[in-house]
Amino acid sequence: MQWQSPGQVWAFRVERNGDRWATLDKDREVESALYLREWRTQLTYRVHQGGQSWPTIALGIGASLATRVQYKDLNTGTEDLSLGDALLASLRLDW
């Protein structure tokens, strides 16, 4: 979900991120999968609208919430680990 103010000076975004990677243990010749899931939210403010040789500058603050990693281990079974929450800051330059 994303919202932008008129003139696109402010923007707010909430999204669910995640991906899956195949893993291979060469010693045991076993394939498995690793999953990463998180909720991410961010508020950005465009400080400067770019010009001919100057970039657009946007500052942001946000959070990564409920970040989890899940994988299968032959010895312990399925591991579902919480990586916790984190605050984020960003500086974006767009030409």
PDB file of N, CA and C in Angstrom:
ATOM      1  N   MET A   1       0.844  -1.147   0.000  1.00  0.00           N
ATOM      2  CA  MET A   1       0.000   0.000   0.000  1.00  0.00           C
ATOM      3  C   MET A   1       0.904   1.228   0.000  1.00  0.00           C
ATOM      4  N   GLN A   2       0.529   2.221  -0.817  1.00  0.00           N
ATOM      5  CA  GLN A   2       1.327   3.439  -0.877  1.00  0.00           C
ATOM      6  C   GLN A   2       0.420   4.650  -1.003  1.00  0.00           C
ATOM      7  N   TRP A   3       0.782   5.725  -0.316  1.00  0.00           N
ATOM      8  CA  TRP A   3       0.063   6.981  -0.400  1.00  0.00           C
ATOM      9  C   TRP A   3       1.070   8.087  -0.687  1.00  0.00           C
ATOM     10  N   GLN A   4       0.691   9.032  -1.571  1.00  0.00           N
ATOM     11  CA  GLN A   4       1.519  10.198  -1.847  1.00  0.00           C
ATOM     12  C   GLN A   4       0.665  11.450  -1.721  1.00  0.00           C
ATOM     13  N   SER A   5       1.249  12.479  -1.141  1.00  0.00           N
ATOM     14  CA  SER A   5       0.530  13.744  -0.989  1.00  0.00           C
ATOM     15  C   SER A   5       0.445  14.450  -2.342  1.00  0.00           C
ATOM     16  N   PRO A   6      -0.461  15.407  -2.468  1.00  0.00           N
ATOM     17  CA  PRO A   6      -0.490  16.201  -3.696  1.00  0.00           C
ATOM     18  C   PRO A   6       0.883  16.861  -3.900  1.00  0.00           C
ATOM     19  N   GLY A   7       1.391  16.801  -5.091  1.00  0.00           N
ATOM     20  CA  GLY A   7       2.727  17.313  -5.376  1.00  0.00           C
ATOM     21  C   GLY A   7       3.827  16.318  -5.050  1.00  0.00           C
ATOM     22  N   GLN A   8       3.471  15.181  -4.505  1.00  0.00           N
ATOM     23  CA  GLN A   8       4.395  14.092  -4.194  1.00  0.00           C
ATOM     24  C   GLN A   8       5.542  14.514  -3.278  1.00  0.00           C
ATOM     25  N   VAL A   9       5.252  15.427  -2.339  1.00  0.00           N
ATOM     26  CA  VAL A   9       6.266  15.846  -1.373  1.00  0.00           C
ATOM     27  C   VAL A   9       6.400  14.806  -0.264  1.00  0.00           C
ATOM     28  N   TRP A  10       5.282  14.298   0.241  1.00  0.00           N
ATOM     29  CA  TRP A  10       5.259  13.257   1.268  1.00  0.00           C
ATOM     30  C   TRP A  10       4.822  11.939   0.638  1.00  0.00           C
ATOM     31  N   ALA A  11       5.371  10.850   1.130  1.00  0.00           N
ATOM     32  CA  ALA A  11       4.935   9.522   0.693  1.00  0.00           C
ATOM     33  C   ALA A  11       4.980   8.582   1.898  1.00  0.00           C
ATOM     34  N   PHE A  12       4.006   7.691   1.966  1.00  0.00           N
ATOM     35  CA  PHE A  12       3.952   6.690   3.026  1.00  0.00           C
ATOM     36  C   PHE A  12       3.736   5.335   2.370  1.00  0.00           C
ATOM     37  N   ARG A  13       4.495   4.339   2.805  1.00  0.00           N
ATOM     38  CA  ARG A  13       4.419   3.017   2.191  1.00  0.00           C
ATOM     39  C   ARG A  13       4.439   1.937   3.268  1.00  0.00           C
ATOM     40  N   VAL A  14       3.563   0.943   3.094  1.00  0.00           N
ATOM     41  CA  VAL A  14       3.552  -0.261   3.932  1.00  0.00           C
ATOM     42  C   VAL A  14       3.577  -1.436   2.973  1.00  0.00           C
ATOM     43  N   GLU A  15       4.514  -2.364   3.198  1.00  0.00           N
ATOM     44  CA  GLU A  15       4.618  -3.502   2.286  1.00  0.00           C
ATOM     45  C   GLU A  15       5.079  -4.750   3.020  1.00  0.00           C
ATOM     46  N   ARG A  16       4.716  -5.858   2.446  1.00  0.00           N
ATOM     47  CA  ARG A  16       5.163  -7.171   2.934  1.00  0.00           C
ATOM     48  C   ARG A  16       6.267  -7.629   1.998  1.00  0.00           C
ATOM     49  N   ASN A  17       7.474  -7.801   2.524  1.00  0.00           N
ATOM     50  CA  ASN A  17       8.609  -8.267   1.730  1.00  0.00           C
ATOM     51  C   ASN A  17       8.891  -9.718   2.072  1.00  0.00           C
ATOM     52  N   GLY A  18       9.468 -10.406   1.131  1.00  0.00           N
ATOM     53  CA  GLY A  18       9.865 -11.777   1.386  1.00  0.00           C
ATOM     54  C   GLY A  18      10.421 -12.403   0.136  1.00  0.00           C
ATOM     55  N   ASP A  19      11.163 -13.457   0.344  1.00  0.00           N
ATOM     56  CA  ASP A  19      11.731 -14.174  -0.782  1.00  0.00           C
ATOM     57  C   ASP A  19      12.101 -15.575  -0.335  1.00  0.00           C
ATOM     58  N   ARG A  20      12.388 -16.419  -1.305  1.00  0.00           N
ATOM     59  CA  ARG A  20      12.751 -17.813  -1.052  1.00  0.00           C
ATOM     60  C   ARG A  20      14.022 -18.114  -1.830  1.00  0.00           C
ATOM     61  N   TRP A  21      14.968 -18.762  -1.170  1.00  0.00           N
ATOM     62  CA  TRP A  21      16.200 -19.167  -1.827  1.00  0.00           C
ATOM     63  C   TRP A  21      16.388 -20.669  -1.661  1.00  0.00           C
ATOM     64  N   ALA A  22      16.865 -21.309  -2.699  1.00  0.00           N
ATOM     65  CA  ALA A  22      17.213 -22.727  -2.613  1.00  0.00           C
ATOM     66  C   ALA A  22      18.588 -22.829  -1.944  1.00  0.00           C
ATOM     67  N   THR A  23      18.748 -23.818  -1.099  1.00  0.00           N
ATOM     68  CA  THR A  23      20.025 -24.032  -0.419  1.00  0.00           C
ATOM     69  C   THR A  23      20.497 -25.449  -0.709  1.00  0.00           C
ATOM     70  N   LEU A  24      21.797 -25.657  -0.655  1.00  0.00           N
ATOM     71  CA  LEU A  24      22.385 -26.972  -0.913  1.00  0.00           C
ATOM     72  C   LEU A  24      23.502 -27.214   0.077  1.00  0.00           C
ATOM     73  N   ASP A  25      23.417 -28.307   0.799  1.00  0.00           N
ATOM     74  CA  ASP A  25      24.477 -28.743   1.701  1.00  0.00           C
ATOM     75  C   ASP A  25      25.293 -29.777   0.946  1.00  0.00           C
ATOM     76  N   LYS A  26      26.473 -29.402   0.465  1.00  0.00           N
ATOM     77  CA  LYS A  26      27.286 -30.293  -0.362  1.00  0.00           C
ATOM     78  C   LYS A  26      27.750 -31.529   0.409  1.00  0.00           C
ATOM     79  N   ASP A  27      28.043 -31.355   1.707  1.00  0.00           N
ATOM     80  CA  ASP A  27      28.510 -32.491   2.507  1.00  0.00           C
ATOM     81  C   ASP A  27      27.443 -33.576   2.629  1.00  0.00           C
ATOM     82  N   ARG A  28      26.189 -33.176   2.786  1.00  0.00           N
ATOM     83  CA  ARG A  28      25.102 -34.146   2.955  1.00  0.00           C
ATOM     84  C   ARG A  28      24.308 -34.357   1.668  1.00  0.00           C
ATOM     85  N   GLU A  29      24.633 -33.574   0.629  1.00  0.00           N
ATOM     86  CA  GLU A  29      23.937 -33.642  -0.665  1.00  0.00           C
ATOM     87  C   GLU A  29      22.427 -33.501  -0.475  1.00  0.00           C
ATOM     88  N   VAL A  30      22.040 -32.453   0.251  1.00  0.00           N
ATOM     89  CA  VAL A  30      20.641 -32.214   0.560  1.00  0.00           C
ATOM     90  C   VAL A  30      20.255 -30.817   0.065  1.00  0.00           C
ATOM     91  N   GLU A  31      19.117 -30.745  -0.615  1.00  0.00           N
ATOM     92  CA  GLU A  31      18.569 -29.451  -1.008  1.00  0.00           C
ATOM     93  C   GLU A  31      17.484 -29.055  -0.030  1.00  0.00           C
ATOM     94  N   SER A  32      17.385 -27.764   0.213  1.00  0.00           N
ATOM     95  CA  SER A  32      16.360 -27.247   1.109  1.00  0.00           C
ATOM     96  C   SER A  32      15.987 -25.846   0.630  1.00  0.00           C
ATOM     97  N   ALA A  33      15.268 -25.107   1.461  1.00  0.00           N
ATOM     98  CA  ALA A  33      14.869 -23.749   1.111  1.00  0.00           C
ATOM     99  C   ALA A  33      14.984 -22.855   2.339  1.00  0.00           C
ATOM    100  N   LEU A  34      15.290 -21.606   2.077  1.00  0.00           N
ATOM    101  CA  LEU A  34      15.376 -20.585   3.106  1.00  0.00           C
ATOM    102  C   LEU A  34      14.357 -19.509   2.756  1.00  0.00           C
ATOM    103  N   TYR A  35      13.516 -19.142   3.721  1.00  0.00           N
ATOM    104  CA  TYR A  35      12.477 -18.144   3.502  1.00  0.00           C
ATOM    105  C   TYR A  35      12.750 -16.925   4.386  1.00  0.00           C
ATOM    106  N   LEU A  36      12.589 -15.732   3.825  1.00  0.00           N
ATOM    107  CA  LEU A  36      12.700 -14.485   4.573  1.00  0.00           C
ATOM    108  C   LEU A  36      11.394 -13.721   4.402  1.00  0.00           C
ATOM    109  N   ARG A  37      10.795 -13.274   5.530  1.00  0.00           N
ATOM    110  CA  ARG A  37       9.549 -12.508   5.483  1.00  0.00           C
ATOM    111  C   ARG A  37       9.648 -11.335   6.449  1.00  0.00           C
ATOM    112  N   GLU A  38       9.108 -10.187   6.038  1.00  0.00           N
ATOM    113  CA  GLU A  38       9.080  -9.018   6.913  1.00  0.00           C
ATOM    114  C   GLU A  38       7.985  -8.056   6.479  1.00  0.00           C
ATOM    115  N   TRP A  39       7.542  -7.233   7.406  1.00  0.00           N
ATOM    116  CA  TRP A  39       6.687  -6.089   7.113  1.00  0.00           C
ATOM    117  C   TRP A  39       7.584  -4.867   7.165  1.00  0.00           C
ATOM    118  N   ARG A  40       7.423  -3.962   6.206  1.00  0.00           N
ATOM    119  CA  ARG A  40       8.235  -2.757   6.182  1.00  0.00           C
ATOM    120  C   ARG A  40       7.332  -1.547   5.968  1.00  0.00           C
ATOM    121  N   THR A  41       7.589  -0.496   6.723  1.00  0.00           N
ATOM    122  CA  THR A  41       6.852   0.755   6.586  1.00  0.00           C
ATOM    123  C   THR A  41       7.854   1.899   6.495  1.00  0.00           C
ATOM    124  N   GLN A  42       7.514   2.923   5.693  1.00  0.00           N
ATOM    125  CA  GLN A  42       8.428   4.041   5.531  1.00  0.00           C
ATOM    126  C   GLN A  42       7.668   5.322   5.183  1.00  0.00           C
ATOM    127  N   LEU A  43       8.104   6.420   5.782  1.00  0.00           N
ATOM    128  CA  LEU A  43       7.591   7.750   5.488  1.00  0.00           C
ATOM    129  C   LEU A  43       8.735   8.544   4.877  1.00  0.00           C
ATOM    130  N   THR A  44       8.518   9.137   3.700  1.00  0.00           N
ATOM    131  CA  THR A  44       9.567   9.920   3.044  1.00  0.00           C
ATOM    132  C   THR A  44       9.087  11.340   2.780  1.00  0.00           C
ATOM    133  N   TYR A  45      10.049  12.242   2.753  1.00  0.00           N
ATOM    134  CA  TYR A  45       9.798  13.652   2.484  1.00  0.00           C
ATOM    135  C   TYR A  45      10.789  14.127   1.422  1.00  0.00           C
ATOM    136  N   ARG A  46      10.266  14.676   0.325  1.00  0.00           N
ATOM    137  CA  ARG A  46      11.132  15.188  -0.731  1.00  0.00           C
ATOM    138  C   ARG A  46      11.610  16.582  -0.320  1.00  0.00           C
ATOM    139  N   VAL A  47      12.901  16.695  -0.037  1.00  0.00           N
ATOM    140  CA  VAL A  47      13.506  17.931   0.434  1.00  0.00           C
ATOM    141  C   VAL A  47      13.723  18.904  -0.716  1.00  0.00           C
ATOM    142  N   HIS A  48      14.149  18.382  -1.846  1.00  0.00           N
ATOM    143  CA  HIS A  48      14.505  19.236  -2.983  1.00  0.00           C
ATOM    144  C   HIS A  48      14.057  18.573  -4.282  1.00  0.00           C
ATOM    145  N   GLN A  49      13.342  19.303  -5.103  1.00  0.00           N
ATOM    146  CA  GLN A  49      12.974  18.818  -6.439  1.00  0.00           C
ATOM    147  C   GLN A  49      14.171  19.055  -7.345  1.00  0.00           C
ATOM    148  N   GLY A  50      14.664  18.009  -7.960  1.00  0.00           N
ATOM    149  CA  GLY A  50      15.863  18.094  -8.786  1.00  0.00           C
ATOM    150  C   GLY A  50      15.729  19.055  -9.955  1.00  0.00           C
ATOM    151  N   GLY A  51      16.870  19.504 -10.404  1.00  0.00           N
ATOM    152  CA  GLY A  51      16.935  20.385 -11.565  1.00  0.00           C
ATOM    153  C   GLY A  51      17.772  19.737 -12.650  1.00  0.00           C
ATOM    154  N   GLN A  52      18.331  20.544 -13.510  1.00  0.00           N
ATOM    155  CA  GLN A  52      19.098  20.018 -14.646  1.00  0.00           C
ATOM    156  C   GLN A  52      20.299  19.199 -14.197  1.00  0.00           C
ATOM    157  N   SER A  53      21.106  19.744 -13.291  1.00  0.00           N
ATOM    158  CA  SER A  53      22.292  19.004 -12.866  1.00  0.00           C
ATOM    159  C   SER A  53      22.243  18.598 -11.398  1.00  0.00           C
ATOM    160  N   TRP A  54      21.136  18.927 -10.711  1.00  0.00           N
ATOM    161  CA  TRP A  54      20.984  18.574  -9.304  1.00  0.00           C
ATOM    162  C   TRP A  54      19.964  17.460  -9.151  1.00  0.00           C
ATOM    163  N   PRO A  55      20.222  16.511  -8.262  1.00  0.00           N
ATOM    164  CA  PRO A  55      19.268  15.402  -8.074  1.00  0.00           C
ATOM    165  C   PRO A  55      18.089  15.813  -7.192  1.00  0.00           C
ATOM    166  N   THR A  56      17.011  15.057  -7.294  1.00  0.00           N
ATOM    167  CA  THR A  56      15.926  15.148  -6.327  1.00  0.00           C
ATOM    168  C   THR A  56      16.423  14.489  -5.052  1.00  0.00           C
ATOM    169  N   ILE A  57      16.176  15.121  -3.914  1.00  0.00           N
ATOM    170  CA  ILE A  57      16.654  14.596  -2.632  1.00  0.00           C
ATOM    171  C   ILE A  57      15.441  14.266  -1.766  1.00  0.00           C
ATOM    172  N   ALA A  58      15.385  13.033  -1.268  1.00  0.00           N
ATOM    173  CA  ALA A  58      14.290  12.601  -0.390  1.00  0.00           C
ATOM    174  C   ALA A  58      14.874  11.942   0.856  1.00  0.00           C
ATOM    175  N   LEU A  59      14.339  12.317   2.008  1.00  0.00           N
ATOM    176  CA  LEU A  59      14.727  11.726   3.290  1.00  0.00           C
ATOM    177  C   LEU A  59      13.616  10.806   3.762  1.00  0.00           C
ATOM    178  N   GLY A  60      13.983   9.710   4.409  1.00  0.00           N
ATOM    179  CA  GLY A  60      12.971   8.772   4.880  1.00  0.00           C
ATOM    180  C   GLY A  60      13.294   8.195   6.236  1.00  0.00           C
ATOM    181  N   ILE A  61      12.246   7.776   6.925  1.00  0.00           N
ATOM    182  CA  ILE A  61      12.386   7.059   8.189  1.00  0.00           C
ATOM    183  C   ILE A  61      11.330   5.955   8.191  1.00  0.00           C
ATOM    184  N   GLY A  62      11.687   4.819   8.751  1.00  0.00           N
ATOM    185  CA  GLY A  62      10.743   3.716   8.740  1.00  0.00           C
ATOM    186  C   GLY A  62      11.143   2.620   9.707  1.00  0.00           C
ATOM    187  N   ALA A  63      10.513   1.473   9.535  1.00  0.00           N
ATOM    188  CA  ALA A  63      10.777   0.342  10.415  1.00  0.00           C
ATOM    189  C   ALA A  63      10.578  -0.961   9.657  1.00  0.00           C
ATOM    190  N   SER A  64      11.377  -1.935  10.029  1.00  0.00           N
ATOM    191  CA  SER A  64      11.227  -3.310   9.568  1.00  0.00           C
ATOM    192  C   SER A  64      10.644  -4.078  10.748  1.00  0.00           C
ATOM    193  N   LEU A  65       9.482  -4.690  10.544  1.00  0.00           N
ATOM    194  CA  LEU A  65       8.763  -5.327  11.644  1.00  0.00           C
ATOM    195  C   LEU A  65       8.515  -6.808  11.368  1.00  0.00           C
ATOM    196  N   ALA A  66       8.513  -7.595  12.417  1.00  0.00           N
ATOM    197  CA  ALA A  66       8.177  -9.019  12.336  1.00  0.00           C
ATOM    198  C   ALA A  66       9.018  -9.758  11.292  1.00  0.00           C
ATOM    199  N   THR A  67      10.319  -9.462  11.261  1.00  0.00           N
ATOM    200  CA  THR A  67      11.213 -10.125  10.312  1.00  0.00           C
ATOM    201  C   THR A  67      11.482 -11.549  10.791  1.00  0.00           C
ATOM    202  N   ARG A  68      11.254 -12.524   9.897  1.00  0.00           N
ATOM    203  CA  ARG A  68      11.421 -13.935  10.245  1.00  0.00           C
ATOM    204  C   ARG A  68      12.191 -14.664   9.151  1.00  0.00           C
ATOM    205  N   VAL A  69      12.974 -15.638   9.573  1.00  0.00           N
ATOM    206  CA  VAL A  69      13.682 -16.534   8.660  1.00  0.00           C
ATOM    207  C   VAL A  69      13.253 -17.952   9.009  1.00  0.00           C
ATOM    208  N   GLN A  70      12.936 -18.726   7.991  1.00  0.00           N
ATOM    209  CA  GLN A  70      12.542 -20.120   8.210  1.00  0.00           C
ATOM    210  C   GLN A  70      13.362 -21.019   7.289  1.00  0.00           C
ATOM    211  N   TYR A  71      13.897 -22.122   7.850  1.00  0.00           N
ATOM    212  CA  TYR A  71      14.628 -23.096   7.034  1.00  0.00           C
ATOM    213  C   TYR A  71      14.532 -24.468   7.688  1.00  0.00           C
ATOM    214  N   LYS A  72      14.822 -25.477   6.874  1.00  0.00           N
ATOM    215  CA  LYS A  72      14.799 -26.850   7.384  1.00  0.00           C
ATOM    216  C   LYS A  72      16.216 -27.308   7.666  1.00  0.00           C
ATOM    217  N   ASP A  73      16.393 -27.921   8.821  1.00  0.00           N
ATOM    218  CA  ASP A  73      17.666 -28.500   9.210  1.00  0.00           C
ATOM    219  C   ASP A  73      17.416 -29.979   9.481  1.00  0.00           C
ATOM    220  N   LEU A  74      18.269 -30.858   8.966  1.00  0.00           N
ATOM    221  CA  LEU A  74      18.060 -32.298   9.137  1.00  0.00           C
ATOM    222  C   LEU A  74      18.138 -32.731  10.594  1.00  0.00           C
ATOM    223  N   ASN A  75      18.967 -32.056  11.376  1.00  0.00           N
ATOM    224  CA  ASN A  75      19.138 -32.455  12.772  1.00  0.00           C
ATOM    225  C   ASN A  75      18.057 -31.899  13.689  1.00  0.00           C
ATOM    226  N   THR A  76      17.628 -30.669  13.449  1.00  0.00           N
ATOM    227  CA  THR A  76      16.696 -30.027  14.375  1.00  0.00           C
ATOM    228  C   THR A  76      15.306 -29.819  13.803  1.00  0.00           C
ATOM    229  N   GLY A  77      15.094 -30.143  12.536  1.00  0.00           N
ATOM    230  CA  GLY A  77      13.782 -29.947  11.919  1.00  0.00           C
ATOM    231  C   GLY A  77      13.661 -28.538  11.362  1.00  0.00           C
ATOM    232  N   THR A  78      12.446 -28.067  11.256  1.00  0.00           N
ATOM    233  CA  THR A  78      12.207 -26.730  10.713  1.00  0.00           C
ATOM    234  C   THR A  78      12.509 -25.683  11.769  1.00  0.00           C
ATOM    235  N   GLU A  79      13.369 -24.743  11.419  1.00  0.00           N
ATOM    236  CA  GLU A  79      13.710 -23.626  12.300  1.00  0.00           C
ATOM    237  C   GLU A  79      12.954 -22.406  11.830  1.00  0.00           C
ATOM    238  N   ASP A  80      12.273 -21.732  12.750  1.00  0.00           N
ATOM    239  CA  ASP A  80      11.551 -20.504  12.458  1.00  0.00           C
ATOM    240  C   ASP A  80      12.081 -19.450  13.423  1.00  0.00           C
ATOM    241  N   LEU A  81      12.964 -18.578  12.937  1.00  0.00           N
ATOM    242  CA  LEU A  81      13.659 -17.623  13.788  1.00  0.00           C
ATOM    243  C   LEU A  81      13.119 -16.213  13.591  1.00  0.00           C
ATOM    244  N   SER A  82      12.921 -15.524  14.695  1.00  0.00           N
ATOM    245  CA  SER A  82      12.530 -14.117  14.634  1.00  0.00           C
ATOM    246  C   SER A  82      13.798 -13.272  14.690  1.00  0.00           C
ATOM    247  N   LEU A  83      13.955 -12.364  13.731  1.00  0.00           N
ATOM    248  CA  LEU A  83      15.124 -11.488  13.711  1.00  0.00           C
ATOM    249  C   LEU A  83      14.826 -10.153  14.378  1.00  0.00           C
ATOM    250  N   GLY A  84      13.612  -9.996  14.856  1.00  0.00           N
ATOM    251  CA  GLY A  84      13.257  -8.782  15.579  1.00  0.00           C
ATOM    252  C   GLY A  84      12.887  -7.630  14.658  1.00  0.00           C
ATOM    253  N   ASP A  85      12.834  -6.459  15.252  1.00  0.00           N
ATOM    254  CA  ASP A  85      12.450  -5.249  14.539  1.00  0.00           C
ATOM    255  C   ASP A  85      13.658  -4.332  14.417  1.00  0.00           C
ATOM    256  N   ALA A  86      13.623  -3.428  13.439  1.00  0.00           N
ATOM    257  CA  ALA A  86      14.722  -2.487  13.241  1.00  0.00           C
ATOM    258  C   ALA A  86      14.178  -1.171  12.717  1.00  0.00           C
ATOM    259  N   LEU A  87      14.787  -0.071  13.147  1.00  0.00           N
ATOM    260  CA  LEU A  87      14.463   1.238  12.602  1.00  0.00           C
ATOM    261  C   LEU A  87      15.333   1.483  11.376  1.00  0.00           C
ATOM    262  N   LEU A  88      14.775   2.189  10.397  1.00  0.00           N
ATOM    263  CA  LEU A  88      15.486   2.445   9.153  1.00  0.00           C
ATOM    264  C   LEU A  88      15.503   3.938   8.880  1.00  0.00           C
ATOM    265  N   ALA A  89      16.560   4.393   8.219  1.00  0.00           N
ATOM    266  CA  ALA A  89      16.646   5.769   7.728  1.00  0.00           C
ATOM    267  C   ALA A  89      17.169   5.693   6.305  1.00  0.00           C
ATOM    268  N   SER A  90      16.745   6.653   5.460  1.00  0.00           N
ATOM    269  CA  SER A  90      17.201   6.610   4.072  1.00  0.00           C
ATOM    270  C   SER A  90      17.443   8.028   3.543  1.00  0.00           C
ATOM    271  N   LEU A  91      18.345   8.093   2.613  1.00  0.00           N
ATOM    272  CA  LEU A  91      18.626   9.294   1.834  1.00  0.00           C
ATOM    273  C   LEU A  91      18.625   8.845   0.377  1.00  0.00           C
ATOM    274  N   ARG A  92      17.699   9.379  -0.415  1.00  0.00           N
ATOM    275  CA  ARG A  92      17.586   8.949  -1.803  1.00  0.00           C
ATOM    276  C   ARG A  92      17.894  10.131  -2.723  1.00  0.00           C
ATOM    277  N   LEU A  93      18.726   9.858  -3.714  1.00  0.00           N
ATOM    278  CA  LEU A  93      19.085  10.844  -4.730  1.00  0.00           C
ATOM    279  C   LEU A  93      18.591  10.313  -6.072  1.00  0.00           C
ATOM    280  N   ASP A  94      17.743  11.088  -6.749  1.00  0.00           N
ATOM    281  CA  ASP A  94      17.209  10.678  -8.059  1.00  0.00           C
ATOM    282  C   ASP A  94      17.603  11.716  -9.109  1.00  0.00           C
ATOM    283  N   TRP A  95      18.224  11.268 -10.184  1.00  0.00           N
ATOM    284  CA  TRP A  95      18.556  12.163 -11.285  1.00  0.00           C
ATOM    285  C   TRP A  95      17.550  12.011 -12.381  1.00  0.00           C
TER     286      TRP A  95
END
